[in-house]
Protein backbone atom coordinates (compact mmCIF):
# COMPACT_ATOMS: atom_id res chain seq x y z
CA MET A 1 82.03 98.46 100.18
CA LYS A 2 83.14 101.60 98.44
CA LYS A 3 85.69 103.85 100.15
CA ILE A 4 84.49 107.37 101.16
CA LEU A 5 88.07 108.90 101.62
CA THR A 6 90.81 109.30 99.28
CA LYS A 7 94.37 108.17 100.44
CA ARG A 8 95.18 111.80 101.36
CA GLU A 9 91.91 112.40 103.15
CA THR A 10 92.53 109.24 105.16
CA GLN A 11 96.06 110.37 106.09
CA ILE A 12 94.75 113.72 107.27
CA PHE A 13 91.87 112.34 109.29
CA ARG A 14 94.22 109.74 110.89
CA GLY A 15 96.27 112.68 111.93
CA LEU A 16 93.22 114.45 113.50
CA VAL A 17 92.20 111.33 115.32
CA ALA A 18 95.84 111.04 116.71
CA ASN A 19 95.21 114.69 118.04
CA LYS A 20 97.65 116.37 115.67
CA THR A 21 97.06 120.06 114.57
CA THR A 22 96.58 121.21 111.14
CA GLN A 23 100.07 122.54 111.06
CA GLU A 24 101.48 119.21 112.24
CA ILE A 25 99.55 117.23 109.64
CA ALA A 26 100.72 119.56 106.94
CA LYS A 27 104.42 119.36 107.78
CA GLU A 28 104.19 115.70 108.23
CA LEU A 29 102.65 115.18 104.66
CA GLY A 30 104.74 118.02 102.98
CA ILE A 31 101.67 120.12 102.14
CA SER A 32 100.54 123.41 103.20
CA ASP A 33 97.99 124.19 106.03
CA LYS A 34 95.49 125.57 103.55
CA THR A 35 95.72 122.27 101.61
CA VAL A 36 94.96 120.22 104.82
CA ARG A 37 92.03 122.56 105.63
CA ASN A 38 90.69 122.27 102.09
CA HIS A 39 90.78 118.27 102.37
CA ILE A 40 88.97 118.59 105.70
CA SER A 41 86.36 120.87 104.29
CA ASN A 42 85.83 118.49 101.18
CA VAL A 43 85.23 115.62 103.62
CA ILE A 44 82.73 117.62 105.66
CA LEU A 45 80.85 118.35 102.41
CA LYS A 46 81.17 114.85 101.33
CA LEU A 47 79.65 113.51 104.48
CA ASP A 48 77.06 116.29 104.92
CA VAL A 49 78.11 117.16 108.43
CA LYS A 50 78.82 120.43 110.20
CA CYS A 51 82.26 120.14 111.68
CA ARG A 52 85.54 118.21 111.95
CA SER A 53 84.32 116.32 115.01
CA GLN A 54 81.11 115.16 113.32
CA ALA A 55 83.15 114.06 110.30
CA ILE A 56 85.53 112.10 112.50
CA LEU A 57 82.49 110.44 114.32
CA GLU A 58 80.86 109.47 110.92
CA LEU A 59 84.15 108.16 109.52
CA LEU A 60 84.68 105.95 112.66
CA ARG A 61 81.06 104.77 112.40
CA CYS A 62 81.63 103.80 108.74
CA LYS A 63 84.98 102.09 109.65
CA GLU A 64 86.77 104.50 107.26
CA ILE A 65 89.33 105.34 110.05
CA GLU A 66 90.04 103.87 113.40
CA LEU A 67 91.11 105.11 116.87
């Protein structure tokens, strides 16, 4: 099965599932808050969903990320 997320997108969404803030994820990965938000926006577009929470649910359903 083809992966939906890039390695970086996976890291970011694992952070979101772990209840980390955008700022915490950015600091942990050594990137800017804006870059984190851009990755999240790209995934939302890729999945054709409306928000972060819907993206997380879809990624869990597709087994791209785990709780």
